[in-house]
Amino acid sequence: MRIKIQPFIRPVLNVCLLLFLAQLTLSNTKNLVMAYPQDASLLYLHAIAFNAITVLAIAFNNLYLIPQFLFKRKNVALYLLCLLVLLLLAIIAGSAYLQYLFAAYPPAVLSDFTILAMEFYAAGDVFLERHLVALFPTLSYVLLFGLAFILRHLYTSNKKLRLSKEAHLKAELSLLKAQVNPHFLFNMMNSIYSQALTKSDDAPATILKLSEILRYNLYESSGASVPLSKELQMIQTYLELEHIRLENPEKVSFEQQVEDAERSIAPMLLLPIVENAFKHGMGSNIAQGFIHIYASDEPDCFTFECINNYKQKLTKSEHSGLGLENLRRRLQLIYPNRHSLDLEVTDTLFTVRLNIKFNS
């Protein structure tokens, strides 16, 4: 059974900080103890009690005021008002405690009585000595620890928000990538069924090619990127499957001028473009239809272009289809500001041109 360590880190750190402050408080009282050894135990208790006033103010500010008024209600004015009241109460209480000590011990030996040994007595200023002598140490500690608490909260919140966005984008990408065109599967199953009825020798090869595409979609494309060569090979396999049902397979061409086929690219980006061409081009007019595909690259970019026949009765939105809309969304998530997906429509042609810029 694995024990999660992370939930215990913060409490342990808090305990260590309290122990450190307690040890520092007691060690800072040594001068006073050396001057009055008979009161050693009592002086240590006084040191702890005096610093407890500041610690309680810090705890109340960090554990209640900031979460309730800043984080929850987001009321800055009300928080500042409550903080001011808290500081005044803590300063007055601390100053009153010190006045009690001033009556029993000289201020000179009380100078290192606070947590960080700040000099708190104000010789010659009766008002400060009596009422606001604890102003500086109390104000410093409460504001310092409060600021640290706020910064830590902002860091944690931003981290959680970033992780949440990353998880959401990852889930969205997985969903978009997993959407296989059912039109393609329907056509392939019909083709295999026809081959089975005629007892064609091509049936096993057709099933094998279909399984290659499905395997690629389910397993090999599960990562964030694949070699460009695998994407291009998958397009070639897809075209070989589509050739089975075409009357004029020679009207489908795939030209590649790719120098670096091993560079990485996000998987399943090219297939939606080709599927769209078959569905709305060859699918709408198998006898007269045609598809020309071009793939090329340069040192810093990759270009994929698909041109197919077009019927004017189809609107642009109908032709672009869900597949291209999903592709557009994936490109925005994976290649922000590093891609272009252009659709060009004429009376007889529909062109999709994808350009991806790679990081140098």
Protein backbone atom coordinates (compact mmCIF):
# COMPACT_ATOMS: atom_id res chain seq x y z
CA MET A 1 0.00 0.00 0.00
CA ARG A 2 1.52 3.30 -1.16
CA ILE A 3 1.42 6.15 1.32
CA LYS A 4 0.97 9.58 -0.24
CA ILE A 5 3.58 11.93 1.20
CA GLN A 6 2.39 15.19 -0.36
CA PRO A 7 -0.59 15.82 2.02
CA PHE A 8 1.80 15.67 4.99
CA ILE A 9 4.35 18.12 3.61
CA ARG A 10 2.51 21.33 4.50
CA PRO A 11 1.62 20.34 8.11
CA VAL A 12 5.19 19.16 8.74
CA LEU A 13 6.62 22.41 7.38
CA ASN A 14 4.25 24.42 9.56
CA VAL A 15 5.27 22.47 12.66
CA CYS A 16 8.95 22.93 11.81
CA LEU A 17 8.42 26.68 11.40
CA LEU A 18 6.67 26.93 14.78
CA LEU A 19 9.45 24.94 16.44
CA PHE A 20 12.07 27.15 14.83
CA LEU A 21 10.32 30.33 15.99
CA ALA A 22 9.91 28.89 19.49
CA GLN A 23 13.59 27.99 19.67
CA LEU A 24 14.57 31.44 18.36
CA THR A 25 12.28 33.10 20.88
CA LEU A 26 13.80 31.19 23.79
CA SER A 27 17.37 31.74 22.62
CA ASN A 28 16.73 35.48 22.26
CA THR A 29 15.72 35.60 25.90
CA LYS A 30 19.11 34.39 27.11
CA ASN A 31 20.45 37.88 27.90
CA LEU A 32 17.50 38.57 30.16
CA VAL A 33 17.83 35.13 31.76
CA MET A 34 21.54 35.71 32.39
CA ALA A 35 20.70 38.98 34.16
CA TYR A 36 17.90 37.41 36.22
CA PRO A 37 18.70 33.68 36.55
CA GLN A 38 16.30 33.28 39.42
CA ASP A 39 13.40 34.18 37.09
CA ALA A 40 14.51 31.96 34.18
CA SER A 41 11.38 29.80 33.92
CA LEU A 42 9.09 32.79 34.29
CA LEU A 43 11.01 34.81 31.69
CA TYR A 44 10.77 31.98 29.14
CA LEU A 45 7.02 31.88 29.73
CA HIS A 46 6.83 35.64 29.25
CA ALA A 47 8.74 35.37 25.97
CA ILE A 48 6.41 32.67 24.67
CA ALA A 49 3.29 34.53 25.82
CA PHE A 50 4.38 37.84 24.30
CA ASN A 51 5.23 36.33 20.92
CA ALA A 52 2.02 34.30 21.03
CA ILE A 53 0.10 37.56 20.59
CA THR A 54 1.79 38.14 17.21
CA VAL A 55 1.48 34.49 16.21
CA LEU A 56 -2.26 34.51 16.96
CA ALA A 57 -2.67 37.67 14.90
CA ILE A 58 -0.82 36.02 12.01
CA ALA A 59 -2.93 32.88 12.29
CA PHE A 60 -6.22 34.81 12.43
CA ASN A 61 -5.24 36.88 9.41
CA ASN A 62 -4.03 33.92 7.32
CA LEU A 63 -6.62 31.36 8.31
CA TYR A 64 -9.74 33.51 8.49
CA LEU A 65 -9.51 37.09 7.22
CA ILE A 66 -7.68 36.40 3.95
CA PRO A 67 -9.68 33.26 2.97
CA GLN A 68 -13.05 34.79 3.92
CA PHE A 69 -12.76 38.37 2.71
CA LEU A 70 -10.13 38.24 -0.06
CA PHE A 71 -10.54 34.79 -1.62
CA LYS A 72 -14.20 34.02 -0.96
CA ARG A 73 -16.03 37.35 -0.88
CA LYS A 74 -13.35 39.27 -2.85
CA ASN A 75 -14.06 42.33 -0.71
CA VAL A 76 -10.74 44.17 -0.41
CA ALA A 77 -12.12 47.16 1.48
CA LEU A 78 -13.74 45.00 4.16
CA TYR A 79 -10.57 42.91 4.48
CA LEU A 80 -8.37 45.99 4.97
CA LEU A 81 -10.77 47.32 7.62
CA CYS A 82 -10.72 44.00 9.52
CA LEU A 83 -6.93 43.79 9.16
CA LEU A 84 -6.55 47.29 10.59
CA VAL A 85 -8.69 46.38 13.61
CA LEU A 86 -6.70 43.16 14.09
CA LEU A 87 -3.38 45.01 13.94
CA LEU A 88 -4.53 47.63 16.44
CA LEU A 89 -5.70 44.97 18.89
CA ALA A 90 -2.47 43.00 18.54
CA ILE A 91 -0.29 46.12 18.87
CA ILE A 92 -2.18 47.38 21.93
CA ALA A 93 -2.10 43.93 23.57
CA GLY A 94 1.61 43.52 22.85
CA SER A 95 2.42 47.01 24.07
CA ALA A 96 0.43 46.47 27.27
CA TYR A 97 2.31 43.24 27.91
CA LEU A 98 5.62 45.02 27.42
CA GLN A 99 4.58 47.78 29.80
CA TYR A 100 4.15 45.09 32.42
CA LEU A 101 7.68 43.84 31.71
CA PHE A 102 9.14 47.36 31.66
CA ALA A 103 7.93 47.79 35.22
CA ALA A 104 9.93 44.73 36.31
CA TYR A 105 12.99 44.72 34.03
CA PRO A 106 15.20 47.40 32.41
CA PRO A 107 14.41 48.12 28.71
CA ALA A 108 18.06 47.59 27.78
CA VAL A 109 17.94 43.86 28.56
CA LEU A 110 14.51 43.53 26.95
CA SER A 111 15.80 44.68 23.55
CA ASP A 112 16.07 41.15 22.12
CA PHE A 113 12.84 39.86 23.57
CA THR A 114 10.90 39.51 20.29
CA ILE A 115 11.09 36.66 17.79
CA LEU A 116 13.77 38.23 15.58
CA ALA A 117 15.35 40.32 18.33
CA MET A 118 14.08 43.69 17.10
CA GLU A 119 14.66 46.69 19.35
CA PHE A 120 11.20 47.74 20.35
CA TYR A 121 11.67 50.34 23.08
CA ALA A 122 11.50 54.03 22.14
CA ALA A 123 13.52 55.97 24.70
CA GLY A 124 12.26 59.46 25.25
CA ASP A 125 8.86 58.96 23.60
CA VAL A 126 6.43 58.17 26.39
CA PHE A 127 3.40 57.67 24.13
CA LEU A 128 5.18 55.14 21.89
CA GLU A 129 6.68 53.34 24.89
CA ARG A 130 3.33 52.96 26.58
CA HIS A 131 0.91 52.33 23.73
CA LEU A 132 2.64 51.51 20.41
CA VAL A 133 5.93 49.99 21.42
CA ALA A 134 4.96 46.68 19.75
CA LEU A 135 3.97 48.43 16.50
CA PHE A 136 6.95 47.58 14.32
CA PRO A 137 7.44 43.86 15.11
CA THR A 138 3.69 43.10 15.06
CA LEU A 139 3.07 45.02 11.84
CA SER A 140 6.12 43.46 10.14
CA TYR A 141 5.28 39.86 10.98
CA VAL A 142 1.54 40.01 10.25
CA LEU A 143 2.00 41.72 6.87
CA LEU A 144 4.98 39.55 5.89
CA PHE A 145 3.26 36.25 6.68
CA GLY A 146 0.01 37.51 5.12
CA LEU A 147 1.77 38.41 1.89
CA ALA A 148 3.50 35.03 1.82
CA PHE A 149 0.15 33.29 2.33
CA ILE A 150 -1.48 35.26 -0.51
CA LEU A 151 1.40 34.57 -2.91
CA ARG A 152 1.32 30.88 -2.08
CA HIS A 153 -2.45 30.78 -2.68
CA LEU A 154 -2.09 32.53 -6.03
CA TYR A 155 0.68 30.13 -7.09
CA THR A 156 -1.38 27.08 -6.06
CA SER A 157 -4.53 28.40 -7.74
CA ASN A 158 -2.69 29.17 -10.98
CA LYS A 159 -1.10 25.73 -10.93
CA LYS A 160 -4.48 24.02 -10.43
CA LEU A 161 -6.04 26.14 -13.18
CA ARG A 162 -3.20 25.31 -15.55
CA LEU A 163 -3.45 21.59 -14.81
CA SER A 164 -7.22 21.73 -15.25
CA LYS A 165 -6.86 23.46 -18.62
CA GLU A 166 -4.23 20.97 -19.73
CA ALA A 167 -6.46 18.05 -18.72
CA HIS A 168 -9.42 19.61 -20.54
CA LEU A 169 -7.42 20.22 -23.70
CA LYS A 170 -5.99 16.71 -23.57
CA ALA A 171 -9.47 15.22 -23.25
CA GLU A 172 -10.76 17.40 -26.09
CA LEU A 173 -7.86 16.42 -28.34
CA SER A 174 -8.42 12.74 -27.58
CA LEU A 175 -12.09 13.07 -28.46
CA LEU A 176 -11.43 14.92 -31.70
CA LYS A 177 -8.71 12.47 -32.74
CA ALA A 178 -10.85 9.42 -31.95
CA GLN A 179 -13.68 10.43 -34.29
CA VAL A 180 -13.25 8.05 -37.24
CA ASN A 181 -15.39 8.85 -40.25
CA PRO A 182 -18.24 6.27 -40.21
CA HIS A 183 -18.81 6.96 -43.91
CA PHE A 184 -15.40 5.46 -44.70
CA LEU A 185 -16.00 2.38 -42.54
CA PHE A 186 -19.43 1.86 -44.14
CA ASN A 187 -17.94 1.96 -47.65
CA MET A 188 -15.11 -0.39 -46.73
CA MET A 189 -17.44 -2.95 -45.14
CA ASN A 190 -19.62 -2.88 -48.26
CA SER A 191 -16.55 -3.41 -50.44
CA ILE A 192 -15.37 -6.33 -48.31
CA TYR A 193 -18.88 -7.78 -48.37
CA SER A 194 -18.95 -7.58 -52.18
CA GLN A 195 -15.55 -9.25 -52.40
CA ALA A 196 -16.71 -11.99 -50.07
CA LEU A 197 -19.82 -12.66 -52.22
CA THR A 198 -17.69 -12.93 -55.36
CA LYS A 199 -15.02 -14.87 -53.48
CA SER A 200 -12.44 -12.36 -54.63
CA ASP A 201 -8.81 -13.12 -53.88
CA ASP A 202 -8.42 -9.46 -52.87
CA ALA A 203 -10.66 -9.80 -49.81
CA PRO A 204 -7.88 -10.83 -47.34
CA ALA A 205 -5.63 -7.98 -48.53
CA THR A 206 -8.51 -5.51 -48.14
CA ILE A 207 -9.21 -6.67 -44.59
CA LEU A 208 -5.49 -6.43 -43.78
CA LYS A 209 -5.25 -2.85 -45.05
CA LEU A 210 -8.37 -1.85 -43.15
CA SER A 211 -6.92 -3.37 -39.98
CA GLU A 212 -3.72 -1.37 -40.53
CA ILE A 213 -5.67 1.89 -40.56
CA LEU A 214 -7.70 0.93 -37.50
CA ARG A 215 -4.56 -0.18 -35.65
CA TYR A 216 -2.86 3.10 -36.48
CA ASN A 217 -5.88 5.08 -35.30
CA LEU A 218 -6.25 3.11 -32.04
CA TYR A 219 -2.65 2.50 -31.00
CA GLU A 220 0.12 4.19 -32.97
CA SER A 221 -1.59 7.60 -32.96
CA SER A 222 -2.20 7.55 -29.19
CA GLY A 223 0.89 9.67 -28.54
CA ALA A 224 1.33 13.40 -28.99
CA SER A 225 3.30 12.99 -32.20
CA VAL A 226 4.34 10.47 -34.85
CA PRO A 227 6.91 10.51 -37.65
CA LEU A 228 5.59 12.24 -40.76
CA SER A 229 6.39 9.09 -42.72
CA LYS A 230 3.73 7.15 -40.79
CA GLU A 231 1.08 9.76 -41.50
CA LEU A 232 1.91 9.69 -45.22
CA GLN A 233 1.98 5.88 -45.25
CA MET A 234 -1.43 5.80 -43.63
CA ILE A 235 -2.79 8.10 -46.38
CA GLN A 236 -1.31 5.76 -48.99
CA THR A 237 -2.99 2.75 -47.34
CA TYR A 238 -6.29 4.63 -47.21
CA LEU A 239 -6.06 5.43 -50.94
CA GLU A 240 -5.35 1.79 -51.77
CA LEU A 241 -8.50 0.81 -49.92
CA GLU A 242 -10.59 3.41 -51.72
CA HIS A 243 -9.24 2.21 -55.10
CA ILE A 244 -11.25 -1.00 -54.61
CA ARG A 245 -14.60 0.70 -55.18
CA LEU A 246 -13.51 3.23 -57.84
CA GLU A 247 -14.26 2.81 -61.53
CA ASN A 248 -11.27 4.96 -62.44
CA PRO A 249 -8.71 4.67 -59.65
CA GLU A 250 -6.14 6.42 -61.84
CA LYS A 251 -8.06 9.66 -61.22
CA VAL A 252 -6.74 9.63 -57.67
CA SER A 253 -3.12 10.74 -57.41
CA PHE A 254 -0.80 11.20 -54.47
CA GLU A 255 2.43 13.08 -55.11
CA GLN A 256 5.07 13.36 -52.39
CA GLN A 257 8.05 15.69 -52.38
CA VAL A 258 9.12 15.30 -48.78
CA GLU A 259 12.78 15.51 -47.86
CA ASP A 260 12.54 14.96 -44.09
CA ALA A 261 9.85 12.32 -43.54
CA GLU A 262 11.08 11.48 -40.05
CA ARG A 263 10.24 14.81 -38.45
CA SER A 264 7.45 14.69 -35.87
CA ILE A 265 3.87 15.74 -36.52
CA ALA A 266 0.62 15.38 -34.58
CA PRO A 267 -1.19 12.17 -35.66
CA MET A 268 -4.43 11.95 -37.63
CA LEU A 269 -4.17 15.43 -39.16
CA LEU A 270 -4.13 14.47 -42.84
CA LEU A 271 -6.79 11.76 -43.02
CA PRO A 272 -9.80 14.08 -42.41
CA ILE A 273 -8.79 16.12 -45.47
CA VAL A 274 -8.64 13.06 -47.72
CA GLU A 275 -11.82 11.58 -46.25
CA ASN A 276 -13.61 14.85 -46.97
CA ALA A 277 -12.47 14.76 -50.60
CA PHE A 278 -13.75 11.21 -51.12
CA LYS A 279 -17.04 11.86 -49.36
CA HIS A 280 -17.96 15.06 -51.19
CA GLY A 281 -15.87 14.66 -54.36
CA MET A 282 -15.60 11.08 -55.52
CA GLY A 283 -18.57 10.10 -53.38
CA SER A 284 -20.87 12.57 -55.08
CA ASN A 285 -19.73 11.64 -58.59
CA ILE A 286 -17.64 8.47 -58.69
CA ALA A 287 -17.54 8.24 -62.49
CA GLN A 288 -16.35 11.79 -63.14
CA GLY A 289 -14.69 12.54 -59.84
CA PHE A 290 -10.98 13.09 -59.26
CA ILE A 291 -8.67 13.77 -56.32
CA HIS A 292 -5.14 15.15 -56.51
CA ILE A 293 -3.06 15.14 -53.34
CA TYR A 294 0.30 16.85 -52.85
CA ALA A 295 2.64 16.63 -49.87
CA SER A 296 5.84 18.66 -49.68
CA ASP A 297 8.12 20.14 -47.07
CA GLU A 298 10.71 22.82 -46.48
CA PRO A 299 13.22 23.10 -43.65
CA ASP A 300 10.72 24.87 -41.40
CA CYS A 301 7.28 23.82 -42.65
CA PHE A 302 5.13 21.06 -44.14
CA THR A 303 2.41 21.54 -46.77
CA PHE A 304 -0.45 19.17 -47.59
CA GLU A 305 -2.85 20.04 -50.40
CA CYS A 306 -5.91 18.15 -51.60
CA ILE A 307 -7.90 19.13 -54.72
CA ASN A 308 -11.11 17.37 -55.75
CA ASN A 309 -14.10 17.89 -58.04
CA TYR A 310 -16.88 20.07 -56.71
CA LYS A 311 -20.61 20.36 -57.35
CA GLN A 312 -22.06 23.84 -57.09
CA LYS A 313 -25.20 22.59 -55.31
CA LEU A 314 -23.11 21.80 -52.26
CA THR A 315 -22.55 24.76 -49.97
CA LYS A 316 -19.15 25.43 -48.53
CA SER A 317 -20.25 24.47 -45.01
CA GLU A 318 -21.72 21.23 -46.28
CA HIS A 319 -18.54 20.39 -48.13
CA SER A 320 -16.18 21.26 -45.30
CA GLY A 321 -18.04 18.86 -43.01
CA LEU A 322 -17.51 17.92 -39.38
CA GLY A 323 -14.14 16.32 -40.12
CA LEU A 324 -12.55 19.58 -41.26
CA GLU A 325 -14.11 21.50 -38.39
CA ASN A 326 -12.61 19.00 -35.93
CA LEU A 327 -9.29 19.30 -37.73
CA ARG A 328 -9.39 23.08 -37.49
CA ARG A 329 -9.99 22.87 -33.74
CA ARG A 330 -7.15 20.37 -33.25
CA LEU A 331 -4.76 22.59 -35.17
CA GLN A 332 -5.69 25.55 -32.98
CA LEU A 333 -4.87 23.51 -29.87
CA ILE A 334 -1.69 21.83 -31.12
CA TYR A 335 -0.16 24.45 -33.43
CA PRO A 336 -1.40 27.86 -32.24
CA ASN A 337 -0.09 30.62 -34.54
CA ARG A 338 1.95 28.01 -36.41
CA HIS A 339 -0.51 26.72 -38.99
CA SER A 340 -2.94 27.68 -41.72
CA LEU A 341 -5.90 25.70 -43.06
CA ASP A 342 -7.31 27.33 -46.18
CA LEU A 343 -10.39 26.27 -48.15
CA GLU A 344 -10.72 27.47 -51.74
CA VAL A 345 -13.93 26.90 -53.71
CA THR A 346 -14.59 27.45 -57.41
CA ASP A 347 -17.41 26.25 -59.66
CA THR A 348 -15.76 22.88 -60.21
CA LEU A 349 -12.94 22.55 -57.65
CA PHE A 350 -12.62 22.32 -53.92
CA THR A 351 -9.13 22.81 -52.50
CA VAL A 352 -7.90 22.29 -48.96
CA ARG A 353 -4.41 23.52 -48.18
CA LEU A 354 -2.75 22.79 -44.85
CA ASN A 355 0.52 24.40 -43.82
CA ILE A 356 2.30 23.64 -40.55
CA LYS A 357 5.35 25.57 -39.33
CA PHE A 358 7.79 23.61 -37.25
CA ASN A 359 9.81 25.02 -34.37
CA SER A 360 13.34 25.85 -35.39
